[in-house]
Amino acid sequence: MFTASVLLIVGLVVLVIAGDIMVRGAAALARHWGVPALIVGLTIVAFGTSAPEMVVGVQAALIGQGDLAAGNVVGSNIANVLLALGLPALILAIPTNMSGVGRNSLIAFCAAVLFVFLTLIHSPLLRWQGAILFGGIIAYLFFMFRLAKAGADDPILEEMTEIDEGRDGLPTNTIKSLVYVVLGVAGLVLGGNLIVDNAVFIAAGFGVSATIIGLTIVAVGTSLPEIATVVVATYRGHPEVAIGNVLGSNVFNVFAVMGASALAGPIMIDKSLMRFDFWVMLLSSLVLLLYVLRRQPIGRKTGAIFTLAYIAYLLVVIFISPALSR
């Protein structure tokens, strides 16, 4: 059990590092070939930043452990709102009145509602449901492309197009860019295998479902880059980064990650998700939407409530949900 736990952590580290390397290599390669920055941002960067979650979801679905994929998406979305916004708000109030935030908050909430609706009308999630969800990310990216061409000010667009060649450690020649891509893809496959195999082993060892592991260890692990980014940005006096990061991640988790996972194989939905976790995800998304619609900043008091709520959620998932499932 100890070895499996260590290998799971190693898998998470490899997955996060490999995803970053792959994005940098692919973005630099596209620039070498003359692909416009906007296209790079809306394809390579957008999908690449969700690559860790997507790899875990697809690999889990392919071996019949789709419940791990569902737990990862739901758990990541909850962690993104309560933890990735709660922690930085303890440092500095996060504004919600930037242009485009209301629109993206509504899209993120509707994506979560669609995910829950598709699950309630038919479980397990099949390929046709996966196609609907993945179609959502294609429509969303097309919509973002139209906004960008119209010159709209949007925090998610800024995040997608912020990587420039020669900055932030991007490779500066074609050969090096190709090496980055190959190493990144290989690392994603390796990290995904380590996570899925050992998560299933740990779940069996503790007598819990893979969903529990997905909701906790895997969800927090794959969300760590987003959490670290917004905490550091807020500490440096740029709390506005938090909203765009969280909303973009939650939209991609539902549409791209869950869609691709369901296309790869049936996604079994644990009953505990329907009883509890889905509603926590929807409630946290709704609370964030209400803050944005009211243009109310997320201050220290709200940040403390969000953080404590996430700790309480983890305690319920770890200690109460398994007992209720027996």
C-alpha atoms as a PDB file:
ATOM      1  CA  MET A   1       0.000   0.000   0.000  1.00  0.00           C
ATOM      2  CA  PHE A   2       2.863   2.389   0.828  1.00  0.00           C
ATOM      3  CA  THR A   3       4.550   1.679  -2.504  1.00  0.00           C
ATOM      4  CA  ALA A   4       1.292   2.272  -4.380  1.00  0.00           C
ATOM      5  CA  SER A   5       0.796   5.592  -2.555  1.00  0.00           C
ATOM      6  CA  VAL A   6       4.311   6.734  -3.452  1.00  0.00           C
ATOM      7  CA  LEU A   7       3.850   5.705  -7.089  1.00  0.00           C
ATOM      8  CA  LEU A   8       0.525   7.579  -7.215  1.00  0.00           C
ATOM      9  CA  ILE A   9       2.221  10.759  -6.000  1.00  0.00           C
ATOM     10  CA  VAL A  10       5.063  10.227  -8.469  1.00  0.00           C
ATOM     11  CA  GLY A  11       2.461   9.815 -11.215  1.00  0.00           C
ATOM     12  CA  LEU A  12       0.822  13.120 -10.286  1.00  0.00           C
ATOM     13  CA  VAL A  13       4.170  14.932 -10.348  1.00  0.00           C
ATOM     14  CA  VAL A  14       5.143  13.369 -13.685  1.00  0.00           C
ATOM     15  CA  LEU A  15       1.727  14.192 -15.150  1.00  0.00           C
ATOM     16  CA  VAL A  16       1.846  17.867 -14.177  1.00  0.00           C
ATOM     17  CA  ILE A  17       5.437  18.363 -15.376  1.00  0.00           C
ATOM     18  CA  ALA A  18       4.842  16.441 -18.611  1.00  0.00           C
ATOM     19  CA  GLY A  19       1.708  18.447 -19.386  1.00  0.00           C
ATOM     20  CA  ASP A  20       3.622  21.705 -19.016  1.00  0.00           C
ATOM     21  CA  ILE A  21       6.509  20.447 -21.177  1.00  0.00           C
ATOM     22  CA  MET A  22       4.149  19.221 -23.886  1.00  0.00           C
ATOM     23  CA  VAL A  23       2.270  22.557 -24.006  1.00  0.00           C
ATOM     24  CA  ARG A  24       5.484  24.556 -24.257  1.00  0.00           C
ATOM     25  CA  GLY A  25       6.920  22.342 -26.978  1.00  0.00           C
ATOM     26  CA  ALA A  26       3.727  22.241 -29.031  1.00  0.00           C
ATOM     27  CA  ALA A  27       3.158  26.000 -28.691  1.00  0.00           C
ATOM     28  CA  ALA A  28       6.732  26.781 -29.763  1.00  0.00           C
ATOM     29  CA  LEU A  29       6.502  24.286 -32.653  1.00  0.00           C
ATOM     30  CA  ALA A  30       3.290  25.891 -33.890  1.00  0.00           C
ATOM     31  CA  ARG A  31       4.935  29.317 -33.770  1.00  0.00           C
ATOM     32  CA  HIS A  32       7.910  28.011 -35.767  1.00  0.00           C
ATOM     33  CA  TRP A  33       5.436  26.861 -38.425  1.00  0.00           C
ATOM     34  CA  GLY A  34       3.717  30.232 -38.534  1.00  0.00           C
ATOM     35  CA  VAL A  35       0.486  29.319 -36.736  1.00  0.00           C
ATOM     36  CA  PRO A  36      -1.197  32.512 -35.364  1.00  0.00           C
ATOM     37  CA  ALA A  37      -0.960  33.044 -31.606  1.00  0.00           C
ATOM     38  CA  LEU A  38      -4.731  33.041 -31.220  1.00  0.00           C
ATOM     39  CA  ILE A  39      -5.052  29.593 -32.829  1.00  0.00           C
ATOM     40  CA  VAL A  40      -2.217  28.293 -30.647  1.00  0.00           C
ATOM     41  CA  GLY A  41      -3.929  29.629 -27.541  1.00  0.00           C
ATOM     42  CA  LEU A  42      -7.370  28.262 -28.397  1.00  0.00           C
ATOM     43  CA  THR A  43      -6.104  24.785 -29.300  1.00  0.00           C
ATOM     44  CA  ILE A  44      -2.697  23.697 -28.021  1.00  0.00           C
ATOM     45  CA  VAL A  45      -2.571  25.786 -24.858  1.00  0.00           C
ATOM     46  CA  ALA A  46      -6.261  25.319 -24.039  1.00  0.00           C
ATOM     47  CA  PHE A  47      -6.274  21.548 -24.437  1.00  0.00           C
ATOM     48  CA  GLY A  48      -2.739  21.119 -23.147  1.00  0.00           C
ATOM     49  CA  THR A  49      -3.480  22.688 -19.775  1.00  0.00           C
ATOM     50  CA  SER A  50      -6.281  20.122 -19.329  1.00  0.00           C
ATOM     51  CA  ALA A  51      -4.074  17.264 -20.532  1.00  0.00           C
ATOM     52  CA  PRO A  52      -3.376  15.788 -17.053  1.00  0.00           C
ATOM     53  CA  GLU A  53      -7.070  15.405 -16.237  1.00  0.00           C
ATOM     54  CA  MET A  54      -7.862  14.210 -19.769  1.00  0.00           C
ATOM     55  CA  VAL A  55      -5.144  11.541 -19.753  1.00  0.00           C
ATOM     56  CA  VAL A  56      -6.300  10.201 -16.398  1.00  0.00           C
ATOM     57  CA  GLY A  57      -9.937  10.171 -17.533  1.00  0.00           C
ATOM     58  CA  VAL A  58      -9.328   8.461 -20.873  1.00  0.00           C
ATOM     59  CA  GLN A  59      -6.949   5.852 -19.466  1.00  0.00           C
ATOM     60  CA  ALA A  60      -9.347   5.093 -16.623  1.00  0.00           C
ATOM     61  CA  ALA A  61     -12.255   4.684 -19.078  1.00  0.00           C
ATOM     62  CA  LEU A  62     -10.211   2.397 -21.338  1.00  0.00           C
ATOM     63  CA  ILE A  63      -9.604  -0.089 -18.504  1.00  0.00           C
ATOM     64  CA  GLY A  64     -13.170   0.041 -17.210  1.00  0.00           C
ATOM     65  CA  GLN A  65     -12.517   2.420 -14.286  1.00  0.00           C
ATOM     66  CA  GLY A  66     -14.605   5.322 -15.536  1.00  0.00           C
ATOM     67  CA  ASP A  67     -15.780   6.089 -12.002  1.00  0.00           C
ATOM     68  CA  LEU A  68     -12.250   7.345 -11.313  1.00  0.00           C
ATOM     69  CA  ALA A  69     -12.594   9.752 -14.258  1.00  0.00           C
ATOM     70  CA  ALA A  70     -15.955  11.063 -13.036  1.00  0.00           C
ATOM     71  CA  GLY A  71     -14.637  11.517  -9.506  1.00  0.00           C
ATOM     72  CA  ASN A  72     -11.609  13.396 -10.817  1.00  0.00           C
ATOM     73  CA  VAL A  73     -13.712  15.878 -12.815  1.00  0.00           C
ATOM     74  CA  VAL A  74     -16.247  16.508 -10.039  1.00  0.00           C
ATOM     75  CA  GLY A  75     -13.563  16.735  -7.354  1.00  0.00           C
ATOM     76  CA  SER A  76     -11.387  19.052  -9.455  1.00  0.00           C
ATOM     77  CA  ASN A  77     -14.265  21.435 -10.143  1.00  0.00           C
ATOM     78  CA  ILE A  78     -15.120  21.617  -6.448  1.00  0.00           C
ATOM     79  CA  ALA A  79     -11.467  22.158  -5.496  1.00  0.00           C
ATOM     80  CA  ASN A  80     -11.090  24.854  -8.152  1.00  0.00           C
ATOM     81  CA  VAL A  81     -13.902  26.973  -6.694  1.00  0.00           C
ATOM     82  CA  LEU A  82     -13.555  26.373  -2.967  1.00  0.00           C
ATOM     83  CA  LEU A  83      -9.779  25.942  -2.688  1.00  0.00           C
ATOM     84  CA  ALA A  84      -8.269  27.733  -5.707  1.00  0.00           C
ATOM     85  CA  LEU A  85     -10.391  30.812  -4.922  1.00  0.00           C
ATOM     86  CA  GLY A  86     -10.614  30.379  -1.151  1.00  0.00           C
ATOM     87  CA  LEU A  87      -6.871  30.283  -0.448  1.00  0.00           C
ATOM     88  CA  PRO A  88      -5.833  33.334  -2.524  1.00  0.00           C
ATOM     89  CA  ALA A  89      -8.797  35.320  -1.155  1.00  0.00           C
ATOM     90  CA  LEU A  90      -7.186  34.947   2.269  1.00  0.00           C
ATOM     91  CA  ILE A  91      -4.272  36.958   0.872  1.00  0.00           C
ATOM     92  CA  LEU A  92      -6.085  39.574  -1.205  1.00  0.00           C
ATOM     93  CA  ALA A  93      -9.698  40.145  -2.239  1.00  0.00           C
ATOM     94  CA  ILE A  94     -10.468  38.669  -5.669  1.00  0.00           C
ATOM     95  CA  PRO A  95     -12.424  41.044  -7.942  1.00  0.00           C
ATOM     96  CA  THR A  96     -15.321  39.631  -9.948  1.00  0.00           C
ATOM     97  CA  ASN A  97     -16.237  42.680 -12.034  1.00  0.00           C
ATOM     98  CA  MET A  98     -13.809  42.190 -14.954  1.00  0.00           C
ATOM     99  CA  SER A  99     -15.153  42.056 -18.484  1.00  0.00           C
ATOM    100  CA  GLY A 100     -16.203  38.560 -19.594  1.00  0.00           C
ATOM    101  CA  VAL A 101     -16.263  37.014 -16.119  1.00  0.00           C
ATOM    102  CA  GLY A 102     -20.059  36.988 -15.892  1.00  0.00           C
ATOM    103  CA  ARG A 103     -20.353  35.288 -19.277  1.00  0.00           C
ATOM    104  CA  ASN A 104     -17.762  32.637 -18.410  1.00  0.00           C
ATOM    105  CA  SER A 105     -19.262  32.024 -14.963  1.00  0.00           C
ATOM    106  CA  LEU A 106     -22.624  31.326 -16.579  1.00  0.00           C
ATOM    107  CA  ILE A 107     -21.018  28.973 -19.124  1.00  0.00           C
ATOM    108  CA  ALA A 108     -19.181  27.084 -16.368  1.00  0.00           C
ATOM    109  CA  PHE A 109     -22.397  26.707 -14.358  1.00  0.00           C
ATOM    110  CA  CYS A 110     -24.396  25.565 -17.405  1.00  0.00           C
ATOM    111  CA  ALA A 111     -21.671  23.044 -18.260  1.00  0.00           C
ATOM    112  CA  ALA A 112     -21.957  21.543 -14.770  1.00  0.00           C
ATOM    113  CA  VAL A 113     -25.771  21.437 -15.051  1.00  0.00           C
ATOM    114  CA  LEU A 114     -25.539  19.688 -18.438  1.00  0.00           C
ATOM    115  CA  PHE A 115     -23.115  17.112 -17.022  1.00  0.00           C
ATOM    116  CA  VAL A 116     -25.439  16.309 -14.121  1.00  0.00           C
ATOM    117  CA  PHE A 117     -28.496  16.232 -16.411  1.00  0.00           C
ATOM    118  CA  LEU A 118     -26.879  13.785 -18.846  1.00  0.00           C
ATOM    119  CA  THR A 119     -25.903  11.574 -15.922  1.00  0.00           C
ATOM    120  CA  LEU A 120     -29.387  11.580 -14.437  1.00  0.00           C
ATOM    121  CA  ILE A 121     -31.113  10.643 -17.708  1.00  0.00           C
ATOM    122  CA  HIS A 122     -28.736   7.750 -18.378  1.00  0.00           C
ATOM    123  CA  SER A 123     -25.962   6.143 -16.387  1.00  0.00           C
ATOM    124  CA  PRO A 124     -23.340   4.973 -17.233  1.00  0.00           C
ATOM    125  CA  LEU A 125     -22.350   7.785 -19.551  1.00  0.00           C
ATOM    126  CA  LEU A 126     -22.095   6.397 -23.077  1.00  0.00           C
ATOM    127  CA  ARG A 127     -20.395   7.659 -26.232  1.00  0.00           C
ATOM    128  CA  TRP A 128     -23.396   9.707 -27.378  1.00  0.00           C
ATOM    129  CA  GLN A 129     -23.322  11.609 -24.088  1.00  0.00           C
ATOM    130  CA  GLY A 130     -19.564  12.019 -24.430  1.00  0.00           C
ATOM    131  CA  ALA A 131     -20.097  13.410 -27.940  1.00  0.00           C
ATOM    132  CA  ILE A 132     -22.541  16.006 -26.581  1.00  0.00           C
ATOM    133  CA  LEU A 133     -20.073  17.096 -23.904  1.00  0.00           C
ATOM    134  CA  PHE A 134     -17.089  17.190 -26.266  1.00  0.00           C
ATOM    135  CA  GLY A 135     -19.214  19.092 -28.759  1.00  0.00           C
ATOM    136  CA  GLY A 136     -19.608  21.649 -25.981  1.00  0.00           C
ATOM    137  CA  ILE A 137     -15.864  22.371 -25.879  1.00  0.00           C
ATOM    138  CA  ILE A 138     -15.711  22.734 -29.665  1.00  0.00           C
ATOM    139  CA  ALA A 139     -18.623  25.195 -29.590  1.00  0.00           C
ATOM    140  CA  TYR A 140     -17.035  27.031 -26.652  1.00  0.00           C
ATOM    141  CA  LEU A 141     -13.677  27.427 -28.414  1.00  0.00           C
ATOM    142  CA  PHE A 142     -15.407  28.622 -31.589  1.00  0.00           C
ATOM    143  CA  PHE A 143     -17.306  31.149 -29.482  1.00  0.00           C
ATOM    144  CA  MET A 144     -14.064  32.321 -27.850  1.00  0.00           C
ATOM    145  CA  PHE A 145     -12.451  32.620 -31.280  1.00  0.00           C
ATOM    146  CA  ARG A 146     -15.275  34.880 -32.451  1.00  0.00           C
ATOM    147  CA  LEU A 147     -14.907  36.998 -29.308  1.00  0.00           C
ATOM    148  CA  ALA A 148     -11.172  37.321 -29.830  1.00  0.00           C
ATOM    149  CA  LYS A 149     -11.573  38.333 -33.466  1.00  0.00           C
ATOM    150  CA  ALA A 150     -14.069  40.986 -32.332  1.00  0.00           C
ATOM    151  CA  GLY A 151     -11.499  42.332 -29.857  1.00  0.00           C
ATOM    152  CA  ALA A 152     -13.401  41.334 -26.717  1.00  0.00           C
ATOM    153  CA  ASP A 153     -11.677  41.715 -23.352  1.00  0.00           C
ATOM    154  CA  ASP A 154     -11.808  38.314 -21.669  1.00  0.00           C
ATOM    155  CA  PRO A 155      -9.633  36.887 -18.844  1.00  0.00           C
ATOM    156  CA  ILE A 156      -9.731  33.338 -20.243  1.00  0.00           C
ATOM    157  CA  LEU A 157      -8.581  34.531 -23.667  1.00  0.00           C
ATOM    158  CA  GLU A 158      -5.723  36.408 -22.017  1.00  0.00           C
ATOM    159  CA  GLU A 159      -4.706  33.252 -20.155  1.00  0.00           C
ATOM    160  CA  MET A 160      -4.799  31.124 -23.317  1.00  0.00           C
ATOM    161  CA  THR A 161      -2.653  33.502 -25.360  1.00  0.00           C
ATOM    162  CA  GLU A 162      -0.133  34.580 -22.734  1.00  0.00           C
ATOM    163  CA  ILE A 163       2.645  32.156 -23.794  1.00  0.00           C
ATOM    164  CA  ASP A 164       5.134  33.740 -26.198  1.00  0.00           C
ATOM    165  CA  GLU A 165       8.139  32.106 -27.813  1.00  0.00           C
ATOM    166  CA  GLY A 166      11.401  32.800 -26.023  1.00  0.00           C
ATOM    167  CA  ARG A 167       9.572  33.626 -22.761  1.00  0.00           C
ATOM    168  CA  ASP A 168       8.582  31.396 -19.823  1.00  0.00           C
ATOM    169  CA  GLY A 169      11.099  28.741 -20.852  1.00  0.00           C
ATOM    170  CA  LEU A 170       9.748  27.907 -24.317  1.00  0.00           C
ATOM    171  CA  PRO A 171      12.183  26.119 -26.649  1.00  0.00           C
ATOM    172  CA  THR A 172      13.641  28.408 -29.336  1.00  0.00           C
ATOM    173  CA  ASN A 173      14.261  25.959 -32.201  1.00  0.00           C
ATOM    174  CA  THR A 174      12.298  23.268 -34.027  1.00  0.00           C
ATOM    175  CA  ILE A 175      14.337  20.245 -32.881  1.00  0.00           C
ATOM    176  CA  LYS A 176      14.147  21.239 -29.233  1.00  0.00           C
ATOM    177  CA  SER A 177      10.403  21.886 -29.602  1.00  0.00           C
ATOM    178  CA  LEU A 178       9.893  18.381 -31.037  1.00  0.00           C
ATOM    179  CA  VAL A 179      11.861  16.881 -28.144  1.00  0.00           C
ATOM    180  CA  TYR A 180       9.622  18.763 -25.700  1.00  0.00           C
ATOM    181  CA  VAL A 181       6.500  17.386 -27.394  1.00  0.00           C
ATOM    182  CA  VAL A 182       7.759  13.780 -27.444  1.00  0.00           C
ATOM    183  CA  LEU A 183       8.924  13.897 -23.818  1.00  0.00           C
ATOM    184  CA  GLY A 184       5.698  15.571 -22.753  1.00  0.00           C
ATOM    185  CA  VAL A 185       3.443  13.010 -24.427  1.00  0.00           C
ATOM    186  CA  ALA A 186       5.527  10.117 -23.075  1.00  0.00           C
ATOM    187  CA  GLY A 187       5.385  11.628 -19.590  1.00  0.00           C
ATOM    188  CA  LEU A 188       1.622  12.077 -19.790  1.00  0.00           C
ATOM    189  CA  VAL A 189       1.144   8.421 -20.718  1.00  0.00           C
ATOM    190  CA  LEU A 190       3.516   7.247 -17.984  1.00  0.00           C
ATOM    191  CA  GLY A 191       2.023   9.523 -15.329  1.00  0.00           C
ATOM    192  CA  GLY A 192      -1.510   8.574 -16.306  1.00  0.00           C
ATOM    193  CA  ASN A 193      -0.743   4.874 -16.051  1.00  0.00           C
ATOM    194  CA  LEU A 194       0.884   5.297 -12.640  1.00  0.00           C
ATOM    195  CA  ILE A 195      -2.093   7.269 -11.330  1.00  0.00           C
ATOM    196  CA  VAL A 196      -4.848   5.012 -12.663  1.00  0.00           C
ATOM    197  CA  ASP A 197      -3.207   1.696 -11.761  1.00  0.00           C
ATOM    198  CA  ASN A 198      -2.210   2.723  -8.251  1.00  0.00           C
ATOM    199  CA  ALA A 199      -5.427   4.633  -7.528  1.00  0.00           C
ATOM    200  CA  VAL A 200      -7.423   1.486  -8.318  1.00  0.00           C
ATOM    201  CA  PHE A 201      -5.049  -0.580  -6.154  1.00  0.00           C
ATOM    202  CA  ILE A 202      -5.333   1.830  -3.205  1.00  0.00           C
ATOM    203  CA  ALA A 203      -9.112   1.965  -3.511  1.00  0.00           C
ATOM    204  CA  ALA A 204      -9.310  -1.837  -3.413  1.00  0.00           C
ATOM    205  CA  GLY A 205      -6.921  -1.941  -0.447  1.00  0.00           C
ATOM    206  CA  PHE A 206      -9.045   0.445   1.603  1.00  0.00           C
ATOM    207  CA  GLY A 207     -12.293  -1.121   0.448  1.00  0.00           C
ATOM    208  CA  VAL A 208     -13.602   2.069  -1.158  1.00  0.00           C
ATOM    209  CA  SER A 209     -14.594   2.897  -4.713  1.00  0.00           C
ATOM    210  CA  ALA A 210     -12.172   4.461  -7.182  1.00  0.00           C
ATOM    211  CA  THR A 211     -14.554   7.438  -7.141  1.00  0.00           C
ATOM    212  CA  ILE A 212     -13.384   8.356  -3.622  1.00  0.00           C
ATOM    213  CA  ILE A 213      -9.747   8.360  -4.719  1.00  0.00           C
ATOM    214  CA  GLY A 214     -10.677  10.416  -7.776  1.00  0.00           C
ATOM    215  CA  LEU A 215     -12.575  12.959  -5.677  1.00  0.00           C
ATOM    216  CA  THR A 216      -9.703  13.453  -3.244  1.00  0.00           C
ATOM    217  CA  ILE A 217      -6.083  12.561  -4.041  1.00  0.00           C
ATOM    218  CA  VAL A 218      -6.312  12.605  -7.840  1.00  0.00           C
ATOM    219  CA  ALA A 219      -8.584  15.670  -7.987  1.00  0.00           C
ATOM    220  CA  VAL A 220      -6.373  17.755  -5.701  1.00  0.00           C
ATOM    221  CA  GLY A 221      -3.231  16.513  -7.447  1.00  0.00           C
ATOM    222  CA  THR A 222      -4.389  17.421 -10.935  1.00  0.00           C
ATOM    223  CA  SER A 223      -5.748  20.764  -9.658  1.00  0.00           C
ATOM    224  CA  LEU A 224      -2.494  21.758  -7.944  1.00  0.00           C
ATOM    225  CA  PRO A 225      -1.145  23.703 -10.969  1.00  0.00           C
ATOM    226  CA  GLU A 226      -4.268  25.895 -11.030  1.00  0.00           C
ATOM    227  CA  ILE A 227      -4.188  26.338  -7.255  1.00  0.00           C
ATOM    228  CA  ALA A 228      -0.483  27.216  -7.242  1.00  0.00           C
ATOM    229  CA  THR A 229      -0.903  29.643 -10.161  1.00  0.00           C
ATOM    230  CA  VAL A 230      -3.694  31.651  -8.569  1.00  0.00           C
ATOM    231  CA  VAL A 231      -2.096  31.710  -5.100  1.00  0.00           C
ATOM    232  CA  VAL A 232       1.233  32.976  -6.480  1.00  0.00           C
ATOM    233  CA  ALA A 233      -0.486  35.492  -8.779  1.00  0.00           C
ATOM    234  CA  THR A 234      -2.587  36.821  -5.891  1.00  0.00           C
ATOM    235  CA  TYR A 235       0.467  37.057  -3.626  1.00  0.00           C
ATOM    236  CA  ARG A 236       2.136  39.148  -6.346  1.00  0.00           C
ATOM    237  CA  GLY A 237      -0.867  41.492  -6.489  1.00  0.00           C
ATOM    238  CA  HIS A 238      -2.765  40.030  -9.464  1.00  0.00           C
ATOM    239  CA  PRO A 239      -5.852  38.371  -7.923  1.00  0.00           C
ATOM    240  CA  GLU A 240      -7.824  38.834 -11.160  1.00  0.00           C
ATOM    241  CA  VAL A 241      -5.899  35.863 -12.585  1.00  0.00           C
ATOM    242  CA  ALA A 242      -7.786  33.550 -10.208  1.00  0.00           C
ATOM    243  CA  ILE A 243     -11.230  33.915 -11.774  1.00  0.00           C
ATOM    244  CA  GLY A 244     -10.132  33.316 -15.364  1.00  0.00           C
ATOM    245  CA  ASN A 245      -8.038  30.314 -14.346  1.00  0.00           C
ATOM    246  CA  VAL A 246     -10.797  28.649 -12.338  1.00  0.00           C
ATOM    247  CA  LEU A 247     -13.588  29.244 -14.853  1.00  0.00           C
ATOM    248  CA  GLY A 248     -11.515  28.060 -17.806  1.00  0.00           C
ATOM    249  CA  SER A 249     -10.426  24.919 -15.954  1.00  0.00           C
ATOM    250  CA  ASN A 250     -13.988  24.029 -14.898  1.00  0.00           C
ATOM    251  CA  VAL A 251     -15.376  24.454 -18.417  1.00  0.00           C
ATOM    252  CA  PHE A 252     -12.643  22.239 -19.883  1.00  0.00           C
ATOM    253  CA  ASN A 253     -13.011  19.633 -17.135  1.00  0.00           C
ATOM    254  CA  VAL A 254     -16.680  19.063 -17.949  1.00  0.00           C
ATOM    255  CA  PHE A 255     -16.676  19.448 -21.716  1.00  0.00           C
ATOM    256  CA  ALA A 256     -13.230  18.268 -22.821  1.00  0.00           C
ATOM    257  CA  VAL A 257     -12.131  15.882 -20.064  1.00  0.00           C
ATOM    258  CA  MET A 258     -15.488  14.260 -19.317  1.00  0.00           C
ATOM    259  CA  GLY A 259     -16.432  14.269 -22.994  1.00  0.00           C
ATOM    260  CA  ALA A 260     -13.198  12.584 -24.101  1.00  0.00           C
ATOM    261  CA  SER A 261     -13.424  10.075 -21.243  1.00  0.00           C
ATOM    262  CA  ALA A 262     -16.986   9.048 -22.172  1.00  0.00           C
ATOM    263  CA  LEU A 263     -15.973   8.752 -25.828  1.00  0.00           C
ATOM    264  CA  ALA A 264     -13.194   6.356 -24.766  1.00  0.00           C
ATOM    265  CA  GLY A 265     -15.512   4.044 -22.829  1.00  0.00           C
ATOM    266  CA  PRO A 266     -18.569   3.860 -20.550  1.00  0.00           C
ATOM    267  CA  ILE A 267     -18.293   6.049 -17.438  1.00  0.00           C
ATOM    268  CA  MET A 268     -19.872   4.407 -14.418  1.00  0.00           C
ATOM    269  CA  ILE A 269     -21.300   6.983 -12.022  1.00  0.00           C
ATOM    270  CA  ASP A 270     -21.057   6.034  -8.362  1.00  0.00           C
ATOM    271  CA  LYS A 271     -24.322   6.539  -6.462  1.00  0.00           C
ATOM    272  CA  SER A 272     -22.475   8.662  -3.919  1.00  0.00           C
ATOM    273  CA  LEU A 273     -21.816  11.242  -6.647  1.00  0.00           C
ATOM    274  CA  MET A 274     -25.529  11.533  -7.385  1.00  0.00           C
ATOM    275  CA  ARG A 275     -26.421  11.767  -3.691  1.00  0.00           C
ATOM    276  CA  PHE A 276     -23.844  14.328  -2.615  1.00  0.00           C
ATOM    277  CA  ASP A 277     -20.875  15.383  -4.772  1.00  0.00           C
ATOM    278  CA  PHE A 278     -22.827  16.519  -7.849  1.00  0.00           C
ATOM    279  CA  TRP A 279     -24.835  18.888  -5.685  1.00  0.00           C
ATOM    280  CA  VAL A 280     -21.718  20.273  -3.972  1.00  0.00           C
ATOM    281  CA  MET A 281     -20.263  20.957  -7.428  1.00  0.00           C
ATOM    282  CA  LEU A 282     -23.462  22.681  -8.589  1.00  0.00           C
ATOM    283  CA  LEU A 283     -23.838  24.660  -5.355  1.00  0.00           C
ATOM    284  CA  SER A 284     -20.236  25.905  -5.394  1.00  0.00           C
ATOM    285  CA  SER A 285     -20.592  26.907  -9.069  1.00  0.00           C
ATOM    286  CA  LEU A 286     -23.881  28.686  -8.301  1.00  0.00           C
ATOM    287  CA  VAL A 287     -22.404  30.589  -5.348  1.00  0.00           C
ATOM    288  CA  LEU A 288     -19.528  31.763  -7.541  1.00  0.00           C
ATOM    289  CA  LEU A 289     -21.993  32.799 -10.268  1.00  0.00           C
ATOM    290  CA  LEU A 290     -24.023  34.834  -7.758  1.00  0.00           C
ATOM    291  CA  TYR A 291     -20.899  36.636  -6.543  1.00  0.00           C
ATOM    292  CA  VAL A 292     -20.002  37.473 -10.131  1.00  0.00           C
ATOM    293  CA  LEU A 293     -23.504  38.631 -11.094  1.00  0.00           C
ATOM    294  CA  ARG A 294     -23.567  40.884  -8.045  1.00  0.00           C
ATOM    295  CA  ARG A 295     -20.015  42.032  -8.920  1.00  0.00           C
ATOM    296  CA  GLN A 296     -19.103  41.328  -5.326  1.00  0.00           C
ATOM    297  CA  PRO A 297     -15.415  40.681  -4.587  1.00  0.00           C
ATOM    298  CA  ILE A 298     -14.406  37.461  -2.845  1.00  0.00           C
ATOM    299  CA  GLY A 299     -12.850  38.811   0.337  1.00  0.00           C
ATOM    300  CA  ARG A 300     -11.006  37.235   3.275  1.00  0.00           C
ATOM    301  CA  LYS A 301     -14.172  36.217   5.122  1.00  0.00           C
ATOM    302  CA  THR A 302     -15.575  34.467   2.045  1.00  0.00           C
ATOM    303  CA  GLY A 303     -12.161  32.957   1.346  1.00  0.00           C
ATOM    304  CA  ALA A 304     -12.114  31.479   4.857  1.00  0.00           C
ATOM    305  CA  ILE A 305     -15.638  30.102   4.381  1.00  0.00           C
ATOM    306  CA  PHE A 306     -14.685  28.570   1.007  1.00  0.00           C
ATOM    307  CA  THR A 307     -11.543  26.960   2.440  1.00  0.00           C
ATOM    308  CA  LEU A 308     -13.298  25.584   5.517  1.00  0.00           C
ATOM    309  CA  ALA A 309     -16.149  24.335   3.320  1.00  0.00           C
ATOM    310  CA  TYR A 310     -13.639  22.411   1.201  1.00  0.00           C
ATOM    311  CA  ILE A 311     -12.040  20.860   4.294  1.00  0.00           C
ATOM    312  CA  ALA A 312     -15.508  19.852   5.534  1.00  0.00           C
ATOM    313  CA  TYR A 313     -16.297  18.409   2.094  1.00  0.00           C
ATOM    314  CA  LEU A 314     -13.134  16.280   2.157  1.00  0.00           C
ATOM    315  CA  LEU A 315     -13.970  14.987   5.629  1.00  0.00           C
ATOM    316  CA  VAL A 316     -17.433  13.941   4.457  1.00  0.00           C
ATOM    317  CA  VAL A 317     -16.028  12.235   1.352  1.00  0.00           C
ATOM    318  CA  ILE A 318     -13.326  10.377   3.271  1.00  0.00           C
ATOM    319  CA  PHE A 319     -15.169   9.374   6.438  1.00  0.00           C
ATOM    320  CA  ILE A 320     -18.916   9.518   5.809  1.00  0.00           C
ATOM    321  CA  SER A 321     -19.546   8.702   2.132  1.00  0.00           C
ATOM    322  CA  PRO A 322     -17.796   5.278   2.255  1.00  0.00           C
ATOM    323  CA  ALA A 323     -19.869   4.273   5.286  1.00  0.00           C
ATOM    324  CA  LEU A 324     -23.117   5.287   3.569  1.00  0.00           C
ATOM    325  CA  SER A 325     -22.139   3.321   0.441  1.00  0.00           C
ATOM    326  CA  ARG A 326     -21.761   0.039   2.336  1.00  0.00           C
END
